[in-house]
Amino acid sequence: GHTLVIPKKEIDYIFDLEDDIFSELHLFSKKVAKKLIKA
């Protein structure tokens, strides 16, 4: 179930992401995590 979550925008370092993309990446990850814990 180990899953990788990535932005489609190609940025190497996570803390170089724009704030909105950084926040949205974590919210997207949260949705995926909820599926993982059920599966």
PDB file of all heavy atoms in Angstrom:
ATOM      1  N   GLY A   1       0.802  -1.211   0.000  1.00  0.00           N
ATOM      2  CA  GLY A   1       0.000   0.000   0.000  1.00  0.00           C
ATOM      3  C   GLY A   1       0.841   1.270   0.000  1.00  0.00           C
ATOM      4  O   GLY A   1       0.307   2.362  -0.164  1.00  0.00           O
ATOM      5  N   HIS A   2       2.162   1.132   0.159  1.00  0.00           N
ATOM      6  CA  HIS A   2       3.077   2.291   0.141  1.00  0.00           C
ATOM      7  C   HIS A   2       2.831   3.062  -1.153  1.00  0.00           C
ATOM      8  O   HIS A   2       2.962   2.543  -2.250  1.00  0.00           O
ATOM      9  CB  HIS A   2       4.507   1.760   0.208  1.00  0.00           C
ATOM     10  CG  HIS A   2       5.566   2.809   0.247  1.00  0.00           C
ATOM     11  ND1 HIS A   2       6.858   2.508   0.610  1.00  0.00           N
ATOM     12  CD2 HIS A   2       5.579   4.127  -0.035  1.00  0.00           C
ATOM     13  CE1 HIS A   2       7.604   3.589   0.552  1.00  0.00           C
ATOM     14  NE2 HIS A   2       6.837   4.595   0.149  1.00  0.00           N
ATOM     15  N   THR A   3       2.453   4.309  -0.987  1.00  0.00           N
ATOM     16  CA  THR A   3       2.051   5.147  -2.118  1.00  0.00           C
ATOM     17  C   THR A   3       2.874   6.423  -2.144  1.00  0.00           C
ATOM     18  O   THR A   3       3.197   6.991  -1.111  1.00  0.00           O
ATOM     19  CB  THR A   3       0.546   5.486  -1.989  1.00  0.00           C
ATOM     20  OG1 THR A   3      -0.204   4.260  -2.025  1.00  0.00           O
ATOM     21  CG2 THR A   3       0.073   6.398  -3.105  1.00  0.00           C
ATOM     22  N   LEU A   4       3.213   6.867  -3.336  1.00  0.00           N
ATOM     23  CA  LEU A   4       3.917   8.125  -3.544  1.00  0.00           C
ATOM     24  C   LEU A   4       2.934   9.151  -4.072  1.00  0.00           C
ATOM     25  O   LEU A   4       2.147   8.854  -4.973  1.00  0.00           O
ATOM     26  CB  LEU A   4       5.064   7.938  -4.542  1.00  0.00           C
ATOM     27  CG  LEU A   4       6.123   6.924  -4.122  1.00  0.00           C
ATOM     28  CD1 LEU A   4       7.066   6.637  -5.279  1.00  0.00           C
ATOM     29  CD2 LEU A   4       6.883   7.410  -2.917  1.00  0.00           C
ATOM     30  N   VAL A   5       2.984  10.340  -3.516  1.00  0.00           N
ATOM     31  CA  VAL A   5       2.103  11.430  -3.937  1.00  0.00           C
ATOM     32  C   VAL A   5       2.991  12.564  -4.437  1.00  0.00           C
ATOM     33  O   VAL A   5       3.898  13.003  -3.731  1.00  0.00           O
ATOM     34  CB  VAL A   5       1.208  11.918  -2.785  1.00  0.00           C
ATOM     35  CG1 VAL A   5       0.244  12.982  -3.287  1.00  0.00           C
ATOM     36  CG2 VAL A   5       0.449  10.750  -2.160  1.00  0.00           C
ATOM     37  N   ILE A   6       2.726  13.010  -5.652  1.00  0.00           N
ATOM     38  CA  ILE A   6       3.587  14.029  -6.277  1.00  0.00           C
ATOM     39  C   ILE A   6       2.761  15.153  -6.887  1.00  0.00           C
ATOM     40  O   ILE A   6       1.636  14.931  -7.340  1.00  0.00           O
ATOM     41  CB  ILE A   6       4.491  13.413  -7.375  1.00  0.00           C
ATOM     42  CG1 ILE A   6       3.660  12.829  -8.525  1.00  0.00           C
ATOM     43  CG2 ILE A   6       5.412  12.360  -6.789  1.00  0.00           C
ATOM     44  CD1 ILE A   6       4.476  12.355  -9.713  1.00  0.00           C
ATOM     45  N   PRO A   7       3.332  16.341  -6.904  1.00  0.00           N
ATOM     46  CA  PRO A   7       2.715  17.395  -7.700  1.00  0.00           C
ATOM     47  C   PRO A   7       3.089  17.168  -9.163  1.00  0.00           C
ATOM     48  O   PRO A   7       4.170  16.636  -9.456  1.00  0.00           O
ATOM     49  CB  PRO A   7       3.359  18.673  -7.159  1.00  0.00           C
ATOM     50  CG  PRO A   7       4.695  18.228  -6.670  1.00  0.00           C
ATOM     51  CD  PRO A   7       4.519  16.821  -6.191  1.00  0.00           C
ATOM     52  N   LYS A   8       2.228  17.532 -10.064  1.00  0.00           N
ATOM     53  CA  LYS A   8       2.577  17.396 -11.479  1.00  0.00           C
ATOM     54  C   LYS A   8       3.582  18.456 -11.900  1.00  0.00           C
ATOM     55  O   LYS A   8       4.328  18.260 -12.848  1.00  0.00           O
ATOM     56  CB  LYS A   8       1.323  17.440 -12.350  1.00  0.00           C
ATOM     57  CG  LYS A   8       0.480  16.184 -12.185  1.00  0.00           C
ATOM     58  CD  LYS A   8      -0.713  16.179 -13.101  1.00  0.00           C
ATOM     59  CE  LYS A   8      -1.465  14.872 -12.976  1.00  0.00           C
ATOM     60  NZ  LYS A   8      -2.668  14.847 -13.818  1.00  0.00           N
ATOM     61  N   LYS A   9       3.611  19.550 -11.156  1.00  0.00           N
ATOM     62  CA  LYS A   9       4.612  20.578 -11.404  1.00  0.00           C
ATOM     63  C   LYS A   9       5.952  20.040 -10.918  1.00  0.00           C
ATOM     64  O   LYS A   9       6.074  19.567  -9.791  1.00  0.00           O
ATOM     65  CB  LYS A   9       4.248  21.868 -10.668  1.00  0.00           C
ATOM     66  CG  LYS A   9       5.210  22.990 -10.935  1.00  0.00           C
ATOM     67  CD  LYS A   9       4.740  24.288 -10.309  1.00  0.00           C
ATOM     68  CE  LYS A   9       5.688  25.403 -10.703  1.00  0.00           C
ATOM     69  NZ  LYS A   9       5.212  26.694 -10.238  1.00  0.00           N
ATOM     70  N   GLU A  10       6.952  20.123 -11.772  1.00  0.00           N
ATOM     71  CA  GLU A  10       8.257  19.529 -11.460  1.00  0.00           C
ATOM     72  C   GLU A  10       9.119  20.495 -10.643  1.00  0.00           C
ATOM     73  O   GLU A  10       9.698  21.433 -11.178  1.00  0.00           O
ATOM     74  CB  GLU A  10       8.968  19.134 -12.756  1.00  0.00           C
ATOM     75  CG  GLU A  10       9.974  18.059 -12.561  1.00  0.00           C
ATOM     76  CD  GLU A  10      10.388  17.399 -13.861  1.00  0.00           C
ATOM     77  OE1 GLU A  10       9.831  17.748 -14.924  1.00  0.00           O
ATOM     78  OE2 GLU A  10      11.287  16.551 -13.810  1.00  0.00           O
ATOM     79  N   ILE A  11       9.147  20.248  -9.346  1.00  0.00           N
ATOM     80  CA  ILE A  11       9.976  20.992  -8.401  1.00  0.00           C
ATOM     81  C   ILE A  11      10.724  19.944  -7.589  1.00  0.00           C
ATOM     82  O   ILE A  11      10.125  18.987  -7.109  1.00  0.00           O
ATOM     83  CB  ILE A  11       9.114  21.866  -7.450  1.00  0.00           C
ATOM     84  CG1 ILE A  11       8.283  22.881  -8.221  1.00  0.00           C
ATOM     85  CG2 ILE A  11       9.966  22.525  -6.386  1.00  0.00           C
ATOM     86  CD1 ILE A  11       9.038  24.064  -8.756  1.00  0.00           C
ATOM     87  N   ASP A  12      12.021  20.114  -7.405  1.00  0.00           N
ATOM     88  CA  ASP A  12      12.827  19.122  -6.702  1.00  0.00           C
ATOM     89  C   ASP A  12      12.545  19.100  -5.205  1.00  0.00           C
ATOM     90  O   ASP A  12      12.238  18.065  -4.624  1.00  0.00           O
ATOM     91  CB  ASP A  12      14.314  19.401  -6.965  1.00  0.00           C
ATOM     92  CG  ASP A  12      15.249  18.449  -6.234  1.00  0.00           C
ATOM     93  OD1 ASP A  12      14.805  17.403  -5.730  1.00  0.00           O
ATOM     94  OD2 ASP A  12      16.446  18.765  -6.157  1.00  0.00           O
ATOM     95  N   TYR A  13      12.612  20.228  -4.550  1.00  0.00           N
ATOM     96  CA  TYR A  13      12.561  20.311  -3.091  1.00  0.00           C
ATOM     97  C   TYR A  13      11.165  20.736  -2.640  1.00  0.00           C
ATOM     98  O   TYR A  13      10.668  21.785  -3.070  1.00  0.00           O
ATOM     99  CB  TYR A  13      13.625  21.298  -2.615  1.00  0.00           C
ATOM    100  CG  TYR A  13      13.805  21.415  -1.128  1.00  0.00           C
ATOM    101  CD1 TYR A  13      13.891  20.294  -0.308  1.00  0.00           C
ATOM    102  CD2 TYR A  13      13.906  22.660  -0.532  1.00  0.00           C
ATOM    103  CE1 TYR A  13      14.072  20.413   1.055  1.00  0.00           C
ATOM    104  CE2 TYR A  13      14.094  22.796   0.833  1.00  0.00           C
ATOM    105  CZ  TYR A  13      14.166  21.661   1.619  1.00  0.00           C
ATOM    106  OH  TYR A  13      14.344  21.790   2.976  1.00  0.00           O
ATOM    107  N   ILE A  14      10.559  19.940  -1.796  1.00  0.00           N
ATOM    108  CA  ILE A  14       9.167  20.180  -1.409  1.00  0.00           C
ATOM    109  C   ILE A  14       8.946  21.574  -0.832  1.00  0.00           C
ATOM    110  O   ILE A  14       7.912  22.187  -1.055  1.00  0.00           O
ATOM    111  CB  ILE A  14       8.659  19.074  -0.449  1.00  0.00           C
ATOM    112  CG1 ILE A  14       7.135  19.092  -0.394  1.00  0.00           C
ATOM    113  CG2 ILE A  14       9.319  19.184   0.919  1.00  0.00           C
ATOM    114  CD1 ILE A  14       6.532  17.840   0.186  1.00  0.00           C
ATOM    115  N   PHE A  15       9.921  22.118  -0.117  1.00  0.00           N
ATOM    116  CA  PHE A  15       9.740  23.438   0.482  1.00  0.00           C
ATOM    117  C   PHE A  15       9.977  24.576  -0.514  1.00  0.00           C
ATOM    118  O   PHE A  15       9.845  25.747  -0.156  1.00  0.00           O
ATOM    119  CB  PHE A  15      10.605  23.593   1.732  1.00  0.00           C
ATOM    120  CG  PHE A  15      10.146  22.693   2.858  1.00  0.00           C
ATOM    121  CD1 PHE A  15      10.992  21.758   3.412  1.00  0.00           C
ATOM    122  CD2 PHE A  15       8.844  22.771   3.333  1.00  0.00           C
ATOM    123  CE1 PHE A  15      10.566  20.917   4.433  1.00  0.00           C
ATOM    124  CE2 PHE A  15       8.401  21.942   4.351  1.00  0.00           C
ATOM    125  CZ  PHE A  15       9.269  21.008   4.903  1.00  0.00           C
ATOM    126  N   ASP A  16      10.276  24.226  -1.765  1.00  0.00           N
ATOM    127  CA  ASP A  16      10.337  25.225  -2.831  1.00  0.00           C
ATOM    128  C   ASP A  16       8.997  25.352  -3.565  1.00  0.00           C
ATOM    129  O   ASP A  16       8.842  26.227  -4.417  1.00  0.00           O
ATOM    130  CB  ASP A  16      11.441  24.886  -3.836  1.00  0.00           C
ATOM    131  CG  ASP A  16      12.836  25.138  -3.293  1.00  0.00           C
ATOM    132  OD1 ASP A  16      12.974  25.928  -2.336  1.00  0.00           O
ATOM    133  OD2 ASP A  16      13.794  24.540  -3.821  1.00  0.00           O
ATOM    134  N   LEU A  17       8.035  24.488  -3.234  1.00  0.00           N
ATOM    135  CA  LEU A  17       6.703  24.598  -3.842  1.00  0.00           C
ATOM    136  C   LEU A  17       6.038  25.890  -3.391  1.00  0.00           C
ATOM    137  O   LEU A  17       6.235  26.332  -2.254  1.00  0.00           O
ATOM    138  CB  LEU A  17       5.821  23.420  -3.416  1.00  0.00           C
ATOM    139  CG  LEU A  17       6.175  22.041  -3.969  1.00  0.00           C
ATOM    140  CD1 LEU A  17       5.361  20.969  -3.253  1.00  0.00           C
ATOM    141  CD2 LEU A  17       5.939  21.984  -5.463  1.00  0.00           C
ATOM    142  N   GLU A  18       5.248  26.485  -4.280  1.00  0.00           N
ATOM    143  CA  GLU A  18       4.455  27.645  -3.881  1.00  0.00           C
ATOM    144  C   GLU A  18       3.512  27.218  -2.765  1.00  0.00           C
ATOM    145  O   GLU A  18       3.110  26.058  -2.693  1.00  0.00           O
ATOM    146  CB  GLU A  18       3.651  28.182  -5.068  1.00  0.00           C
ATOM    147  CG  GLU A  18       4.500  28.809  -6.157  1.00  0.00           C
ATOM    148  CD  GLU A  18       4.569  27.931  -7.403  1.00  0.00           C
ATOM    149  OE1 GLU A  18       3.812  26.957  -7.502  1.00  0.00           O
ATOM    150  OE2 GLU A  18       5.396  28.229  -8.269  1.00  0.00           O
ATOM    151  N   ASP A  19       3.148  28.133  -1.910  1.00  0.00           N
ATOM    152  CA  ASP A  19       2.329  27.814  -0.740  1.00  0.00           C
ATOM    153  C   ASP A  19       1.024  27.112  -1.098  1.00  0.00           C
ATOM    154  O   ASP A  19       0.627  26.152  -0.433  1.00  0.00           O
ATOM    155  CB  ASP A  19       2.018  29.077   0.070  1.00  0.00           C
ATOM    156  CG  ASP A  19       3.236  29.623   0.796  1.00  0.00           C
ATOM    157  OD1 ASP A  19       4.278  28.933   0.851  1.00  0.00           O
ATOM    158  OD2 ASP A  19       3.139  30.758   1.314  1.00  0.00           O
ATOM    159  N   ASP A  20       0.357  27.577  -2.151  1.00  0.00           N
ATOM    160  CA  ASP A  20      -0.919  26.956  -2.502  1.00  0.00           C
ATOM    161  C   ASP A  20      -0.729  25.517  -2.975  1.00  0.00           C
ATOM    162  O   ASP A  20      -1.487  24.624  -2.593  1.00  0.00           O
ATOM    163  CB  ASP A  20      -1.685  27.789  -3.531  1.00  0.00           C
ATOM    164  CG  ASP A  20      -0.938  27.993  -4.836  1.00  0.00           C
ATOM    165  OD1 ASP A  20       0.310  27.977  -4.840  1.00  0.00           O
ATOM    166  OD2 ASP A  20      -1.606  28.185  -5.871  1.00  0.00           O
ATOM    167  N   ILE A  21       0.300  25.259  -3.766  1.00  0.00           N
ATOM    168  CA  ILE A  21       0.571  23.894  -4.241  1.00  0.00           C
ATOM    169  C   ILE A  21       0.991  23.009  -3.064  1.00  0.00           C
ATOM    170  O   ILE A  21       0.552  21.859  -2.944  1.00  0.00           O
ATOM    171  CB  ILE A  21       1.652  23.895  -5.343  1.00  0.00           C
ATOM    172  CG1 ILE A  21       1.190  24.704  -6.558  1.00  0.00           C
ATOM    173  CG2 ILE A  21       2.034  22.472  -5.744  1.00  0.00           C
ATOM    174  CD1 ILE A  21       0.017  24.115  -7.312  1.00  0.00           C
ATOM    175  N   PHE A  22       1.816  23.539  -2.175  1.00  0.00           N
ATOM    176  CA  PHE A  22       2.254  22.806  -0.987  1.00  0.00           C
ATOM    177  C   PHE A  22       1.037  22.383  -0.154  1.00  0.00           C
ATOM    178  O   PHE A  22       0.909  21.223   0.239  1.00  0.00           O
ATOM    179  CB  PHE A  22       3.204  23.684  -0.165  1.00  0.00           C
ATOM    180  CG  PHE A  22       3.720  23.031   1.083  1.00  0.00           C
ATOM    181  CD1 PHE A  22       4.843  22.218   1.038  1.00  0.00           C
ATOM    182  CD2 PHE A  22       3.098  23.238   2.307  1.00  0.00           C
ATOM    183  CE1 PHE A  22       5.332  21.612   2.188  1.00  0.00           C
ATOM    184  CE2 PHE A  22       3.574  22.641   3.467  1.00  0.00           C
ATOM    185  CZ  PHE A  22       4.693  21.824   3.409  1.00  0.00           C
ATOM    186  N   SER A  23       0.141  23.312   0.090  1.00  0.00           N
ATOM    187  CA  SER A  23      -1.058  23.020   0.886  1.00  0.00           C
ATOM    188  C   SER A  23      -1.964  22.012   0.183  1.00  0.00           C
ATOM    189  O   SER A  23      -2.451  21.060   0.804  1.00  0.00           O
ATOM    190  CB  SER A  23      -1.847  24.305   1.146  1.00  0.00           C
ATOM    191  OG  SER A  23      -1.087  25.206   1.889  1.00  0.00           O
ATOM    192  N   GLU A  24      -2.185  22.215  -1.095  1.00  0.00           N
ATOM    193  CA  GLU A  24      -3.050  21.318  -1.860  1.00  0.00           C
ATOM    194  C   GLU A  24      -2.456  19.915  -1.949  1.00  0.00           C
ATOM    195  O   GLU A  24      -3.199  18.930  -1.942  1.00  0.00           O
ATOM    196  CB  GLU A  24      -3.302  21.886  -3.246  1.00  0.00           C
ATOM    197  CG  GLU A  24      -4.177  23.123  -3.243  1.00  0.00           C
ATOM    198  CD  GLU A  24      -4.250  23.810  -4.598  1.00  0.00           C
ATOM    199  OE1 GLU A  24      -4.020  23.150  -5.632  1.00  0.00           O
ATOM    200  OE2 GLU A  24      -4.530  25.024  -4.628  1.00  0.00           O
ATOM    201  N   LEU A  25      -1.125  19.817  -2.037  1.00  0.00           N
ATOM    202  CA  LEU A  25      -0.461  18.506  -2.065  1.00  0.00           C
ATOM    203  C   LEU A  25      -0.779  17.734  -0.783  1.00  0.00           C
ATOM    204  O   LEU A  25      -1.081  16.542  -0.820  1.00  0.00           O
ATOM    205  CB  LEU A  25       1.052  18.684  -2.227  1.00  0.00           C
ATOM    206  CG  LEU A  25       1.905  17.421  -2.143  1.00  0.00           C
ATOM    207  CD1 LEU A  25       1.587  16.465  -3.290  1.00  0.00           C
ATOM    208  CD2 LEU A  25       3.387  17.785  -2.150  1.00  0.00           C
ATOM    209  N   HIS A  26      -0.743  18.407   0.337  1.00  0.00           N
ATOM    210  CA  HIS A  26      -1.037  17.750   1.603  1.00  0.00           C
ATOM    211  C   HIS A  26      -2.519  17.386   1.724  1.00  0.00           C
ATOM    212  O   HIS A  26      -2.849  16.313   2.250  1.00  0.00           O
ATOM    213  CB  HIS A  26      -0.558  18.623   2.766  1.00  0.00           C
ATOM    214  CG  HIS A  26       0.923  18.560   2.930  1.00  0.00           C
ATOM    215  ND1 HIS A  26       1.786  19.287   2.157  1.00  0.00           N
ATOM    216  CD2 HIS A  26       1.686  17.822   3.762  1.00  0.00           C
ATOM    217  CE1 HIS A  26       3.027  19.010   2.506  1.00  0.00           C
ATOM    218  NE2 HIS A  26       2.996  18.127   3.475  1.00  0.00           N
ATOM    219  N   LEU A  27      -3.394  18.215   1.222  1.00  0.00           N
ATOM    220  CA  LEU A  27      -4.824  17.887   1.244  1.00  0.00           C
ATOM    221  C   LEU A  27      -5.126  16.705   0.318  1.00  0.00           C
ATOM    222  O   LEU A  27      -5.927  15.823   0.661  1.00  0.00           O
ATOM    223  CB  LEU A  27      -5.664  19.108   0.861  1.00  0.00           C
ATOM    224  CG  LEU A  27      -5.669  20.220   1.896  1.00  0.00           C
ATOM    225  CD1 LEU A  27      -6.347  21.480   1.343  1.00  0.00           C
ATOM    226  CD2 LEU A  27      -6.334  19.767   3.187  1.00  0.00           C
ATOM    227  N   PHE A  28      -4.473  16.667  -0.828  1.00  0.00           N
ATOM    228  CA  PHE A  28      -4.625  15.538  -1.749  1.00  0.00           C
ATOM    229  C   PHE A  28      -4.099  14.261  -1.074  1.00  0.00           C
ATOM    230  O   PHE A  28      -4.728  13.202  -1.144  1.00  0.00           O
ATOM    231  CB  PHE A  28      -3.870  15.839  -3.048  1.00  0.00           C
ATOM    232  CG  PHE A  28      -4.049  14.809  -4.127  1.00  0.00           C
ATOM    233  CD1 PHE A  28      -5.160  14.845  -4.957  1.00  0.00           C
ATOM    234  CD2 PHE A  28      -3.104  13.818  -4.330  1.00  0.00           C
ATOM    235  CE1 PHE A  28      -5.322  13.897  -5.971  1.00  0.00           C
ATOM    236  CE2 PHE A  28      -3.252  12.871  -5.332  1.00  0.00           C
ATOM    237  CZ  PHE A  28      -4.366  12.910  -6.152  1.00  0.00           C
ATOM    238  N   SER A  29      -2.956  14.373  -0.392  1.00  0.00           N
ATOM    239  CA  SER A  29      -2.371  13.232   0.315  1.00  0.00           C
ATOM    240  C   SER A  29      -3.314  12.714   1.391  1.00  0.00           C
ATOM    241  O   SER A  29      -3.423  11.504   1.611  1.00  0.00           O
ATOM    242  CB  SER A  29      -1.032  13.626   0.952  1.00  0.00           C
ATOM    243  OG  SER A  29      -0.094  13.955  -0.040  1.00  0.00           O
ATOM    244  N   LYS A  30      -3.998  13.620   2.064  1.00  0.00           N
ATOM    245  CA  LYS A  30      -4.952  13.239   3.108  1.00  0.00           C
ATOM    246  C   LYS A  30      -6.066  12.370   2.533  1.00  0.00           C
ATOM    247  O   LYS A  30      -6.453  11.358   3.119  1.00  0.00           O
ATOM    248  CB  LYS A  30      -5.529  14.501   3.763  1.00  0.00           C
ATOM    249  CG  LYS A  30      -6.514  14.236   4.868  1.00  0.00           C
ATOM    250  CD  LYS A  30      -6.996  15.556   5.463  1.00  0.00           C
ATOM    251  CE  LYS A  30      -8.036  15.338   6.537  1.00  0.00           C
ATOM    252  NZ  LYS A  30      -8.502  16.613   7.109  1.00  0.00           N
ATOM    253  N   LYS A  31      -6.576  12.737   1.365  1.00  0.00           N
ATOM    254  CA  LYS A  31      -7.621  11.944   0.705  1.00  0.00           C
ATOM    255  C   LYS A  31      -7.113  10.548   0.377  1.00  0.00           C
ATOM    256  O   LYS A  31      -7.812   9.553   0.562  1.00  0.00           O
ATOM    257  CB  LYS A  31      -8.092  12.637  -0.575  1.00  0.00           C
ATOM    258  CG  LYS A  31      -8.873  13.901  -0.349  1.00  0.00           C
ATOM    259  CD  LYS A  31      -9.234  14.548  -1.668  1.00  0.00           C
ATOM    260  CE  LYS A  31      -9.802  15.930  -1.456  1.00  0.00           C
ATOM    261  NZ  LYS A  31     -10.032  16.631  -2.715  1.00  0.00           N
ATOM    262  N   VAL A  32      -5.901  10.480  -0.130  1.00  0.00           N
ATOM    263  CA  VAL A  32      -5.302   9.185  -0.474  1.00  0.00           C
ATOM    264  C   VAL A  32      -5.092   8.357   0.794  1.00  0.00           C
ATOM    265  O   VAL A  32      -5.385   7.154   0.825  1.00  0.00           O
ATOM    266  CB  VAL A  32      -3.978   9.382  -1.245  1.00  0.00           C
ATOM    267  CG1 VAL A  32      -3.274   8.046  -1.477  1.00  0.00           C
ATOM    268  CG2 VAL A  32      -4.238  10.095  -2.583  1.00  0.00           C
ATOM    269  N   ALA A  33      -4.598   8.985   1.864  1.00  0.00           N
ATOM    270  CA  ALA A  33      -4.351   8.281   3.121  1.00  0.00           C
ATOM    271  C   ALA A  33      -5.630   7.657   3.672  1.00  0.00           C
ATOM    272  O   ALA A  33      -5.604   6.546   4.214  1.00  0.00           O
ATOM    273  CB  ALA A  33      -3.728   9.228   4.137  1.00  0.00           C
ATOM    274  N   LYS A  34      -6.753   8.343   3.523  1.00  0.00           N
ATOM    275  CA  LYS A  34      -8.028   7.813   4.008  1.00  0.00           C
ATOM    276  C   LYS A  34      -8.407   6.533   3.257  1.00  0.00           C
ATOM    277  O   LYS A  34      -8.963   5.605   3.838  1.00  0.00           O
ATOM    278  CB  LYS A  34      -9.129   8.866   3.896  1.00  0.00           C
ATOM    279  CG  LYS A  34      -8.970   9.965   4.943  1.00  0.00           C
ATOM    280  CD  LYS A  34     -10.068  11.004   4.828  1.00  0.00           C
ATOM    281  CE  LYS A  34      -9.843  12.107   5.818  1.00  0.00           C
ATOM    282  NZ  LYS A  34     -10.539  11.903   7.070  1.00  0.00           N
ATOM    283  N   LYS A  35      -8.085   6.473   1.975  1.00  0.00           N
ATOM    284  CA  LYS A  35      -8.330   5.253   1.200  1.00  0.00           C
ATOM    285  C   LYS A  35      -7.374   4.142   1.632  1.00  0.00           C
ATOM    286  O   LYS A  35      -7.755   2.982   1.743  1.00  0.00           O
ATOM    287  CB  LYS A  35      -8.142   5.519  -0.291  1.00  0.00           C
ATOM    288  CG  LYS A  35      -9.235   6.307  -0.936  1.00  0.00           C
ATOM    289  CD  LYS A  35      -8.974   6.413  -2.420  1.00  0.00           C
ATOM    290  CE  LYS A  35     -10.218   6.892  -3.124  1.00  0.00           C
ATOM    291  NZ  LYS A  35     -10.186   6.587  -4.541  1.00  0.00           N
ATOM    292  N   LEU A  36      -6.111   4.512   1.855  1.00  0.00           N
ATOM    293  CA  LEU A  36      -5.108   3.518   2.229  1.00  0.00           C
ATOM    294  C   LEU A  36      -5.450   2.825   3.536  1.00  0.00           C
ATOM    295  O   LEU A  36      -5.308   1.604   3.658  1.00  0.00           O
ATOM    296  CB  LEU A  36      -3.723   4.158   2.338  1.00  0.00           C
ATOM    297  CG  LEU A  36      -3.058   4.597   1.044  1.00  0.00           C
ATOM    298  CD1 LEU A  36      -1.711   5.253   1.341  1.00  0.00           C
ATOM    299  CD2 LEU A  36      -2.891   3.434   0.093  1.00  0.00           C
ATOM    300  N   ILE A  37      -5.884   3.592   4.533  1.00  0.00           N
ATOM    301  CA  ILE A  37      -6.156   2.997   5.842  1.00  0.00           C
ATOM    302  C   ILE A  37      -7.367   2.063   5.790  1.00  0.00           C
ATOM    303  O   ILE A  37      -7.448   1.100   6.547  1.00  0.00           O
ATOM    304  CB  ILE A  37      -6.278   4.066   6.943  1.00  0.00           C
ATOM    305  CG1 ILE A  37      -5.944   3.451   8.298  1.00  0.00           C
ATOM    306  CG2 ILE A  37      -7.624   4.751   6.916  1.00  0.00           C
ATOM    307  CD1 ILE A  37      -5.556   4.453   9.356  1.00  0.00           C
ATOM    308  N   LYS A  38      -8.285   2.315   4.871  1.00  0.00           N
ATOM    309  CA  LYS A  38      -9.409   1.400   4.672  1.00  0.00           C
ATOM    310  C   LYS A  38      -8.956   0.142   3.946  1.00  0.00           C
ATOM    311  O   LYS A  38      -9.394  -0.960   4.260  1.00  0.00           O
ATOM    312  CB  LYS A  38     -10.524   2.083   3.874  1.00  0.00           C
ATOM    313  CG  LYS A  38     -11.306   3.097   4.655  1.00  0.00           C
ATOM    314  CD  LYS A  38     -12.393   3.715   3.792  1.00  0.00           C
ATOM    315  CE  LYS A  38     -13.111   4.818   4.553  1.00  0.00           C
ATOM    316  NZ  LYS A  38     -14.070   5.518   3.693  1.00  0.00           N
ATOM    317  N   ALA A  39      -8.100   0.308   2.958  1.00  0.00           N
ATOM    318  CA  ALA A  39      -7.633  -0.818   2.153  1.00  0.00           C
ATOM    319  C   ALA A  39      -6.641  -1.698   2.912  1.00  0.00           C
ATOM    320  O   ALA A  39      -6.610  -2.917   2.720  1.00  0.00           O
ATOM    321  CB  ALA A  39      -7.001  -0.315   0.861  1.00  0.00           C
TER     322      ALA A  39
END
